[in-house]
Amino acid sequence: MRWSKLLKYDFFRLYSQHLILFSPAQKNSGNKDKASESRLPNFRKNIYTKEIIDFILDLILSGEKTNLEINRKYEIPTTTLYKWLSKYRADR
């Protein structure tokens, strides 16, 4: 580390790249996860909790904010907002 500071050269980065380049190849084992076999991306299902949905819907239904304002401020997609409105409006 002293030489790195003295010469102003990042020897750690050079060393770590050397290790990655010359490391032995990983063996392919027969035990693969089902998630790794699929080529489709793995998405999270429920990003928003019920409390967040209720808060956002209260803002829309009370008229405090419009759909566009919520979309820009909280970065919630418009399709998600419209699905929430159609799904949860009957509950209110």
PDB file of N, CA and C in Angstrom:
ATOM      1  N   MET A   1       0.818  -1.199   0.000  1.00  0.00           N
ATOM      2  CA  MET A   1       0.000   0.000   0.000  1.00  0.00           C
ATOM      3  C   MET A   1       0.859   1.259   0.000  1.00  0.00           C
ATOM      4  N   ARG A   2       1.997   1.184   0.645  1.00  0.00           N
ATOM      5  CA  ARG A   2       2.857   2.366   0.661  1.00  0.00           C
ATOM      6  C   ARG A   2       3.382   2.674  -0.738  1.00  0.00           C
ATOM      7  N   TRP A   3       3.746   1.604  -1.466  1.00  0.00           N
ATOM      8  CA  TRP A   3       4.220   1.820  -2.835  1.00  0.00           C
ATOM      9  C   TRP A   3       3.111   2.386  -3.709  1.00  0.00           C
ATOM     10  N   SER A   4       1.890   1.941  -3.460  1.00  0.00           N
ATOM     11  CA  SER A   4       0.760   2.452  -4.241  1.00  0.00           C
ATOM     12  C   SER A   4       0.597   3.949  -4.042  1.00  0.00           C
ATOM     13  N   LYS A   5       0.722   4.379  -2.807  1.00  0.00           N
ATOM     14  CA  LYS A   5       0.577   5.807  -2.518  1.00  0.00           C
ATOM     15  C   LYS A   5       1.771   6.597  -3.042  1.00  0.00           C
ATOM     16  N   LEU A   6       2.952   6.002  -2.915  1.00  0.00           N
ATOM     17  CA  LEU A   6       4.154   6.691  -3.347  1.00  0.00           C
ATOM     18  C   LEU A   6       4.190   6.865  -4.870  1.00  0.00           C
ATOM     19  N   LEU A   7       3.836   5.798  -5.579  1.00  0.00           N
ATOM     20  CA  LEU A   7       3.873   5.841  -7.045  1.00  0.00           C
ATOM     21  C   LEU A   7       2.557   6.317  -7.661  1.00  0.00           C
ATOM     22  N   LYS A   8       1.557   6.496  -6.810  1.00  0.00           N
ATOM     23  CA  LYS A   8       0.218   6.891  -7.254  1.00  0.00           C
ATOM     24  C   LYS A   8      -0.316   5.928  -8.314  1.00  0.00           C
ATOM     25  N   TYR A   9      -0.147   4.651  -8.021  1.00  0.00           N
ATOM     26  CA  TYR A   9      -0.632   3.607  -8.916  1.00  0.00           C
ATOM     27  C   TYR A   9      -1.390   2.590  -8.084  1.00  0.00           C
ATOM     28  N   ASP A  10      -2.491   2.118  -8.590  1.00  0.00           N
ATOM     29  CA  ASP A  10      -3.361   1.220  -7.844  1.00  0.00           C
ATOM     30  C   ASP A  10      -2.937  -0.234  -8.078  1.00  0.00           C
ATOM     31  N   PHE A  11      -2.006  -0.716  -7.245  1.00  0.00           N
ATOM     32  CA  PHE A  11      -1.538  -2.085  -7.392  1.00  0.00           C
ATOM     33  C   PHE A  11      -2.594  -3.101  -6.981  1.00  0.00           C
ATOM     34  N   PHE A  12      -3.476  -2.738  -6.084  1.00  0.00           N
ATOM     35  CA  PHE A  12      -4.523  -3.668  -5.667  1.00  0.00           C
ATOM     36  C   PHE A  12      -5.436  -4.004  -6.839  1.00  0.00           C
ATOM     37  N   ARG A  13      -5.794  -3.017  -7.622  1.00  0.00           N
ATOM     38  CA  ARG A  13      -6.654  -3.249  -8.781  1.00  0.00           C
ATOM     39  C   ARG A  13      -5.941  -4.154  -9.795  1.00  0.00           C
ATOM     40  N   LEU A  14      -4.661  -3.930 -10.000  1.00  0.00           N
ATOM     41  CA  LEU A  14      -3.868  -4.763 -10.900  1.00  0.00           C
ATOM     42  C   LEU A  14      -3.818  -6.201 -10.385  1.00  0.00           C
ATOM     43  N   TYR A  15      -3.582  -6.361  -9.093  1.00  0.00           N
ATOM     44  CA  TYR A  15      -3.500  -7.689  -8.493  1.00  0.00           C
ATOM     45  C   TYR A  15      -4.844  -8.411  -8.555  1.00  0.00           C
ATOM     46  N   SER A  16      -5.928  -7.711  -8.239  1.00  0.00           N
ATOM     47  CA  SER A  16      -7.241  -8.361  -8.255  1.00  0.00           C
ATOM     48  C   SER A  16      -7.644  -8.751  -9.678  1.00  0.00           C
ATOM     49  N   GLN A  17      -7.306  -7.931 -10.672  1.00  0.00           N
ATOM     50  CA  GLN A  17      -7.597  -8.298 -12.056  1.00  0.00           C
ATOM     51  C   GLN A  17      -6.761  -9.499 -12.485  1.00  0.00           C
ATOM     52  N   HIS A  18      -5.537  -9.571 -12.003  1.00  0.00           N
ATOM     53  CA  HIS A  18      -4.682 -10.721 -12.282  1.00  0.00           C
ATOM     54  C   HIS A  18      -5.298 -11.994 -11.700  1.00  0.00           C
ATOM     55  N   LEU A  19      -5.801 -11.917 -10.475  1.00  0.00           N
ATOM     56  CA  LEU A  19      -6.430 -13.083  -9.859  1.00  0.00           C
ATOM     57  C   LEU A  19      -7.656 -13.534 -10.637  1.00  0.00           C
ATOM     58  N   ILE A  20      -8.457 -12.588 -11.082  1.00  0.00           N
ATOM     59  CA  ILE A  20      -9.658 -12.931 -11.844  1.00  0.00           C
ATOM     60  C   ILE A  20      -9.280 -13.550 -13.185  1.00  0.00           C
ATOM     61  N   LEU A  21      -8.275 -12.993 -13.831  1.00  0.00           N
ATOM     62  CA  LEU A  21      -7.877 -13.462 -15.154  1.00  0.00           C
ATOM     63  C   LEU A  21      -7.299 -14.869 -15.108  1.00  0.00           C
ATOM     64  N   PHE A  22      -6.473 -15.152 -14.108  1.00  0.00           N
ATOM     65  CA  PHE A  22      -5.783 -16.429 -14.056  1.00  0.00           C
ATOM     66  C   PHE A  22      -6.375 -17.403 -13.042  1.00  0.00           C
ATOM     67  N   SER A  23      -7.565 -17.161 -12.574  1.00  0.00           N
ATOM     68  CA  SER A  23      -8.196 -18.103 -11.653  1.00  0.00           C
ATOM     69  C   SER A  23      -8.690 -19.311 -12.444  1.00  0.00           C
ATOM     70  N   PRO A  24      -8.706 -20.491 -11.816  1.00  0.00           N
ATOM     71  CA  PRO A  24      -9.171 -21.680 -12.539  1.00  0.00           C
ATOM     72  C   PRO A  24     -10.656 -21.569 -12.856  1.00  0.00           C
ATOM     73  N   ALA A  25     -11.053 -22.190 -13.949  1.00  0.00           N
ATOM     74  CA  ALA A  25     -12.454 -22.153 -14.368  1.00  0.00           C
ATOM     75  C   ALA A  25     -13.302 -22.921 -13.369  1.00  0.00           C
ATOM     76  N   GLN A  26     -14.528 -22.463 -13.170  1.00  0.00           N
ATOM     77  CA  GLN A  26     -15.426 -23.132 -12.245  1.00  0.00           C
ATOM     78  C   GLN A  26     -15.971 -24.394 -12.896  1.00  0.00           C
ATOM     79  N   LYS A  27     -16.091 -25.419 -12.093  1.00  0.00           N
ATOM     80  CA  LYS A  27     -16.635 -26.675 -12.593  1.00  0.00           C
ATOM     81  C   LYS A  27     -18.147 -26.576 -12.641  1.00  0.00           C
ATOM     82  N   ASN A  28     -18.725 -27.084 -13.705  1.00  0.00           N
ATOM     83  CA  ASN A  28     -20.180 -27.114 -13.822  1.00  0.00           C
ATOM     84  C   ASN A  28     -20.692 -28.358 -13.128  1.00  0.00           C
ATOM     85  N   SER A  29     -21.428 -28.166 -12.081  1.00  0.00           N
ATOM     86  CA  SER A  29     -21.988 -29.300 -11.361  1.00  0.00           C
ATOM     87  C   SER A  29     -23.361 -29.626 -11.927  1.00  0.00           C
ATOM     88  N   GLY A  30     -23.828 -30.821 -11.677  1.00  0.00           N
ATOM     89  CA  GLY A  30     -25.126 -31.249 -12.177  1.00  0.00           C
ATOM     90  C   GLY A  30     -26.279 -30.621 -11.423  1.00  0.00           C
ATOM     91  N   ASN A  31     -26.027 -30.017 -10.265  1.00  0.00           N
ATOM     92  CA  ASN A  31     -27.084 -29.416  -9.461  1.00  0.00           C
ATOM     93  C   ASN A  31     -27.252 -27.957  -9.836  1.00  0.00           C
ATOM     94  N   LYS A  32     -28.199 -27.689 -10.710  1.00  0.00           N
ATOM     95  CA  LYS A  32     -28.483 -26.309 -11.089  1.00  0.00           C
ATOM     96  C   LYS A  32     -29.809 -25.884 -10.482  1.00  0.00           C
ATOM     97  N   ASP A  33     -29.882 -24.632 -10.134  1.00  0.00           N
ATOM     98  CA  ASP A  33     -31.140 -24.099  -9.638  1.00  0.00           C
ATOM     99  C   ASP A  33     -32.100 -23.926 -10.799  1.00  0.00           C
ATOM    100  N   LYS A  34     -33.391 -24.046 -10.508  1.00  0.00           N
ATOM    101  CA  LYS A  34     -34.388 -23.841 -11.554  1.00  0.00           C
ATOM    102  C   LYS A  34     -34.422 -22.392 -12.002  1.00  0.00           C
ATOM    103  N   ALA A  35     -34.098 -21.485 -11.100  1.00  0.00           N
ATOM    104  CA  ALA A  35     -34.105 -20.064 -11.454  1.00  0.00           C
ATOM    105  C   ALA A  35     -32.999 -19.747 -12.448  1.00  0.00           C
ATOM    106  N   SER A  36     -31.868 -20.428 -12.334  1.00  0.00           N
ATOM    107  CA  SER A  36     -30.768 -20.152 -13.256  1.00  0.00           C
ATOM    108  C   SER A  36     -31.012 -20.767 -14.627  1.00  0.00           C
ATOM    109  N   GLU A  37     -31.858 -21.805 -14.716  1.00  0.00           N
ATOM    110  CA  GLU A  37     -32.164 -22.423 -16.000  1.00  0.00           C
ATOM    111  C   GLU A  37     -33.049 -21.534 -16.854  1.00  0.00           C
ATOM    112  N   SER A  38     -33.906 -20.794 -16.234  1.00  0.00           N
ATOM    113  CA  SER A  38     -34.837 -19.951 -16.962  1.00  0.00           C
ATOM    114  C   SER A  38     -34.117 -18.743 -17.530  1.00  0.00           C
ATOM    115  N   ARG A  39     -34.462 -18.392 -18.763  1.00  0.00           N
ATOM    116  CA  ARG A  39     -33.859 -17.221 -19.385  1.00  0.00           C
ATOM    117  C   ARG A  39     -34.675 -15.967 -19.121  1.00  0.00           C
ATOM    118  N   LEU A  40     -35.834 -16.128 -18.537  1.00  0.00           N
ATOM    119  CA  LEU A  40     -36.683 -14.984 -18.249  1.00  0.00           C
ATOM    120  C   LEU A  40     -36.179 -14.257 -17.010  1.00  0.00           C
ATOM    121  N   PRO A  41     -36.354 -12.939 -16.958  1.00  0.00           N
ATOM    122  CA  PRO A  41     -35.929 -12.210 -15.756  1.00  0.00           C
ATOM    123  C   PRO A  41     -36.806 -12.565 -14.565  1.00  0.00           C
ATOM    124  N   ASN A  42     -36.240 -12.450 -13.387  1.00  0.00           N
ATOM    125  CA  ASN A  42     -36.943 -12.772 -12.160  1.00  0.00           C
ATOM    126  C   ASN A  42     -37.409 -11.470 -11.516  1.00  0.00           C
ATOM    127  N   PHE A  43     -38.726 -11.198 -11.567  1.00  0.00           N
ATOM    128  CA  PHE A  43     -39.273  -9.962 -11.037  1.00  0.00           C
ATOM    129  C   PHE A  43     -39.857 -10.181  -9.650  1.00  0.00           C
ATOM    130  N   ARG A  44     -39.820  -9.129  -8.837  1.00  0.00           N
ATOM    131  CA  ARG A  44     -40.493  -9.181  -7.543  1.00  0.00           C
ATOM    132  C   ARG A  44     -41.976  -8.942  -7.770  1.00  0.00           C
ATOM    133  N   LYS A  45     -42.806  -9.680  -7.067  1.00  0.00           N
ATOM    134  CA  LYS A  45     -44.237  -9.560  -7.275  1.00  0.00           C
ATOM    135  C   LYS A  45     -44.825  -8.357  -6.554  1.00  0.00           C
ATOM    136  N   ASN A  46     -44.671  -8.281  -5.250  1.00  0.00           N
ATOM    137  CA  ASN A  46     -45.317  -7.235  -4.468  1.00  0.00           C
ATOM    138  C   ASN A  46     -44.280  -6.229  -3.986  1.00  0.00           C
ATOM    139  N   ILE A  47     -44.077  -5.209  -4.780  1.00  0.00           N
ATOM    140  CA  ILE A  47     -43.128  -4.167  -4.395  1.00  0.00           C
ATOM    141  C   ILE A  47     -43.782  -3.220  -3.398  1.00  0.00           C
ATOM    142  N   TYR A  48     -45.062  -2.916  -3.615  1.00  0.00           N
ATOM    143  CA  TYR A  48     -45.774  -1.926  -2.816  1.00  0.00           C
ATOM    144  C   TYR A  48     -46.630  -2.628  -1.768  1.00  0.00           C
ATOM    145  N   THR A  49     -46.533  -2.163  -0.522  1.00  0.00           N
ATOM    146  CA  THR A  49     -47.347  -2.735   0.544  1.00  0.00           C
ATOM    147  C   THR A  49     -48.756  -2.162   0.476  1.00  0.00           C
ATOM    148  N   LYS A  50     -49.655  -2.759   1.210  1.00  0.00           N
ATOM    149  CA  LYS A  50     -51.047  -2.303   1.241  1.00  0.00           C
ATOM    150  C   LYS A  50     -51.135  -0.877   1.780  1.00  0.00           C
ATOM    151  N   GLU A  51     -50.289  -0.538   2.749  1.00  0.00           N
ATOM    152  CA  GLU A  51     -50.302   0.808   3.325  1.00  0.00           C
ATOM    153  C   GLU A  51     -49.888   1.856   2.294  1.00  0.00           C
ATOM    154  N   ILE A  52     -48.895   1.534   1.488  1.00  0.00           N
ATOM    155  CA  ILE A  52     -48.464   2.474   0.446  1.00  0.00           C
ATOM    156  C   ILE A  52     -49.566   2.663  -0.582  1.00  0.00           C
ATOM    157  N   ILE A  53     -50.201   1.569  -0.979  1.00  0.00           N
ATOM    158  CA  ILE A  53     -51.295   1.652  -1.953  1.00  0.00           C
ATOM    159  C   ILE A  53     -52.426   2.503  -1.400  1.00  0.00           C
ATOM    160  N   ASP A  54     -52.795   2.283  -0.131  1.00  0.00           N
ATOM    161  CA  ASP A  54     -53.863   3.078   0.487  1.00  0.00           C
ATOM    162  C   ASP A  54     -53.497   4.556   0.548  1.00  0.00           C
ATOM    163  N   PHE A  55     -52.253   4.862   0.888  1.00  0.00           N
ATOM    164  CA  PHE A  55     -51.803   6.252   0.959  1.00  0.00           C
ATOM    165  C   PHE A  55     -51.902   6.924  -0.407  1.00  0.00           C
ATOM    166  N   ILE A  56     -51.433   6.259  -1.432  1.00  0.00           N
ATOM    167  CA  ILE A  56     -51.462   6.823  -2.784  1.00  0.00           C
ATOM    168  C   ILE A  56     -52.902   7.001  -3.255  1.00  0.00           C
ATOM    169  N   LEU A  57     -53.745   6.008  -2.999  1.00  0.00           N
ATOM    170  CA  LEU A  57     -55.145   6.111  -3.426  1.00  0.00           C
ATOM    171  C   LEU A  57     -55.877   7.212  -2.673  1.00  0.00           C
ATOM    172  N   ASP A  58     -55.548   7.410  -1.398  1.00  0.00           N
ATOM    173  CA  ASP A  58     -56.149   8.518  -0.644  1.00  0.00           C
ATOM    174  C   ASP A  58     -55.771   9.862  -1.250  1.00  0.00           C
ATOM    175  N   LEU A  59     -54.520   9.993  -1.681  1.00  0.00           N
ATOM    176  CA  LEU A  59     -54.094  11.238  -2.326  1.00  0.00           C
ATOM    177  C   LEU A  59     -54.860  11.485  -3.625  1.00  0.00           C
ATOM    178  N   ILE A  60     -55.074  10.437  -4.388  1.00  0.00           N
ATOM    179  CA  ILE A  60     -55.769  10.591  -5.671  1.00  0.00           C
ATOM    180  C   ILE A  60     -57.249  10.874  -5.455  1.00  0.00           C
ATOM    181  N   LEU A  61     -57.890  10.077  -4.609  1.00  0.00           N
ATOM    182  CA  LEU A  61     -59.340  10.192  -4.437  1.00  0.00           C
ATOM    183  C   LEU A  61     -59.741  11.456  -3.692  1.00  0.00           C
ATOM    184  N   SER A  62     -58.867  11.981  -2.833  1.00  0.00           N
ATOM    185  CA  SER A  62     -59.188  13.229  -2.142  1.00  0.00           C
ATOM    186  C   SER A  62     -58.940  14.439  -3.037  1.00  0.00           C
ATOM    187  N   GLY A  63     -58.231  14.241  -4.125  1.00  0.00           N
ATOM    188  CA  GLY A  63     -57.971  15.337  -5.050  1.00  0.00           C
ATOM    189  C   GLY A  63     -56.741  16.154  -4.707  1.00  0.00           C
ATOM    190  N   GLU A  64     -55.951  15.704  -3.738  1.00  0.00           N
ATOM    191  CA  GLU A  64     -54.735  16.437  -3.368  1.00  0.00           C
ATOM    192  C   GLU A  64     -53.709  16.414  -4.499  1.00  0.00           C
ATOM    193  N   LYS A  65     -53.588  15.267  -5.155  1.00  0.00           N
ATOM    194  CA  LYS A  65     -52.625  15.124  -6.249  1.00  0.00           C
ATOM    195  C   LYS A  65     -53.294  14.405  -7.412  1.00  0.00           C
ATOM    196  N   THR A  66     -52.794  14.691  -8.600  1.00  0.00           N
ATOM    197  CA  THR A  66     -53.300  14.007  -9.790  1.00  0.00           C
ATOM    198  C   THR A  66     -52.446  12.770 -10.052  1.00  0.00           C
ATOM    199  N   ASN A  67     -52.900  11.951 -10.995  1.00  0.00           N
ATOM    200  CA  ASN A  67     -52.143  10.752 -11.343  1.00  0.00           C
ATOM    201  C   ASN A  67     -50.756  11.109 -11.868  1.00  0.00           C
ATOM    202  N   LEU A  68     -50.684  12.163 -12.654  1.00  0.00           N
ATOM    203  CA  LEU A  68     -49.408  12.585 -13.226  1.00  0.00           C
ATOM    204  C   LEU A  68     -48.438  13.059 -12.142  1.00  0.00           C
ATOM    205  N   GLU A  69     -48.945  13.791 -11.151  1.00  0.00           N
ATOM    206  CA  GLU A  69     -48.089  14.262 -10.053  1.00  0.00           C
ATOM    207  C   GLU A  69     -47.546  13.090  -9.238  1.00  0.00           C
ATOM    208  N   ILE A  70     -48.390  12.101  -8.981  1.00  0.00           N
ATOM    209  CA  ILE A  70     -47.953  10.926  -8.224  1.00  0.00           C
ATOM    210  C   ILE A  70     -46.952  10.121  -9.037  1.00  0.00           C
ATOM    211  N   ASN A  71     -47.217  10.036 -10.338  1.00  0.00           N
ATOM    212  CA  ASN A  71     -46.293   9.326 -11.216  1.00  0.00           C
ATOM    213  C   ASN A  71     -44.915   9.963 -11.175  1.00  0.00           C
ATOM    214  N   ARG A  72     -44.844  11.273 -11.208  1.00  0.00           N
ATOM    215  CA  ARG A  72     -43.554  11.966 -11.212  1.00  0.00           C
ATOM    216  C   ARG A  72     -42.882  11.969  -9.842  1.00  0.00           C
ATOM    217  N   LYS A  73     -43.657  12.192  -8.775  1.00  0.00           N
ATOM    218  CA  LYS A  73     -43.058  12.308  -7.442  1.00  0.00           C
ATOM    219  C   LYS A  73     -42.633  10.955  -6.868  1.00  0.00           C
ATOM    220  N   TYR A  74     -43.516   9.957  -6.947  1.00  0.00           N
ATOM    221  CA  TYR A  74     -43.243   8.660  -6.332  1.00  0.00           C
ATOM    222  C   TYR A  74     -42.745   7.623  -7.328  1.00  0.00           C
ATOM    223  N   GLU A  75     -42.669   8.005  -8.620  1.00  0.00           N
ATOM    224  CA  GLU A  75     -42.191   7.133  -9.691  1.00  0.00           C
ATOM    225  C   GLU A  75     -42.941   5.809  -9.744  1.00  0.00           C
ATOM    226  N   ILE A  76     -44.254   5.886  -9.634  1.00  0.00           N
ATOM    227  CA  ILE A  76     -45.113   4.721  -9.776  1.00  0.00           C
ATOM    228  C   ILE A  76     -45.657   4.745 -11.199  1.00  0.00           C
ATOM    229  N   PRO A  77     -45.541   3.654 -11.945  1.00  0.00           N
ATOM    230  CA  PRO A  77     -46.011   3.646 -13.327  1.00  0.00           C
ATOM    231  C   PRO A  77     -47.507   3.932 -13.428  1.00  0.00           C
ATOM    232  N   THR A  78     -47.896   4.579 -14.522  1.00  0.00           N
ATOM    233  CA  THR A  78     -49.309   4.935 -14.707  1.00  0.00           C
ATOM    234  C   THR A  78     -50.179   3.696 -14.811  1.00  0.00           C
ATOM    235  N   THR A  79     -49.670   2.638 -15.433  1.00  0.00           N
ATOM    236  CA  THR A  79     -50.475   1.414 -15.526  1.00  0.00           C
ATOM    237  C   THR A  79     -50.754   0.845 -14.146  1.00  0.00           C
ATOM    238  N   THR A  80     -49.772   0.919 -13.261  1.00  0.00           N
ATOM    239  CA  THR A  80     -49.966   0.431 -11.894  1.00  0.00           C
ATOM    240  C   THR A  80     -51.007   1.270 -11.176  1.00  0.00           C
ATOM    241  N   LEU A  81     -50.966   2.588 -11.354  1.00  0.00           N
ATOM    242  CA  LEU A  81     -51.965   3.464 -10.723  1.00  0.00           C
ATOM    243  C   LEU A  81     -53.368   3.128 -11.197  1.00  0.00           C
ATOM    244  N   TYR A  82     -53.537   2.953 -12.497  1.00  0.00           N
ATOM    245  CA  TYR A  82     -54.864   2.654 -13.026  1.00  0.00           C
ATOM    246  C   TYR A  82     -55.353   1.278 -12.590  1.00  0.00           C
ATOM    247  N   LYS A  83     -54.449   0.327 -12.459  1.00  0.00           N
ATOM    248  CA  LYS A  83     -54.844  -0.993 -11.951  1.00  0.00           C
ATOM    249  C   LYS A  83     -55.280  -0.904 -10.498  1.00  0.00           C
ATOM    250  N   TRP A  84     -54.544  -0.105  -9.697  1.00  0.00           N
ATOM    251  CA  TRP A  84     -54.944   0.087  -8.300  1.00  0.00           C
ATOM    252  C   TRP A  84     -56.305   0.751  -8.221  1.00  0.00           C
ATOM    253  N   LEU A  85     -56.518   1.764  -9.044  1.00  0.00           N
ATOM    254  CA  LEU A  85     -57.801   2.477  -9.009  1.00  0.00           C
ATOM    255  C   LEU A  85     -58.949   1.549  -9.378  1.00  0.00           C
ATOM    256  N   SER A  86     -58.772   0.739 -10.395  1.00  0.00           N
ATOM    257  CA  SER A  86     -59.858  -0.160 -10.792  1.00  0.00           C
ATOM    258  C   SER A  86     -60.058  -1.275  -9.771  1.00  0.00           C
ATOM    259  N   LYS A  87     -58.996  -1.713  -9.138  1.00  0.00           N
ATOM    260  CA  LYS A  87     -59.095  -2.821  -8.192  1.00  0.00           C
ATOM    261  C   LYS A  87     -59.612  -2.381  -6.826  1.00  0.00           C
ATOM    262  N   TYR A  88     -59.104  -1.260  -6.309  1.00  0.00           N
ATOM    263  CA  TYR A  88     -59.407  -0.864  -4.937  1.00  0.00           C
ATOM    264  C   TYR A  88     -60.492   0.202  -4.825  1.00  0.00           C
ATOM    265  N   ARG A  89     -60.945   0.753  -5.923  1.00  0.00           N
ATOM    266  CA  ARG A  89     -61.986   1.779  -5.853  1.00  0.00           C
ATOM    267  C   ARG A  89     -63.304   1.178  -5.365  1.00  0.00           C
ATOM    268  N   ALA A  90     -63.558  -0.074  -5.690  1.00  0.00           N
ATOM    269  CA  ALA A  90     -64.783  -0.740  -5.243  1.00  0.00           C
ATOM    270  C   ALA A  90     -64.775  -0.955  -3.733  1.00  0.00           C
ATOM    271  N   ASP A  91     -63.590  -1.071  -3.139  1.00  0.00           N
ATOM    272  CA  ASP A  91     -63.480  -1.276  -1.688  1.00  0.00           C
ATOM    273  C   ASP A  91     -63.842  -0.026  -0.909  1.00  0.00           C
ATOM    274  N   ARG A  92     -63.757   1.131  -1.523  1.00  0.00           N
ATOM    275  CA  ARG A  92     -63.952   2.391  -0.804  1.00  0.00           C
ATOM    276  C   ARG A  92     -65.342   2.890  -0.934  1.00  0.00           C
TER     277      ARG A  92
END
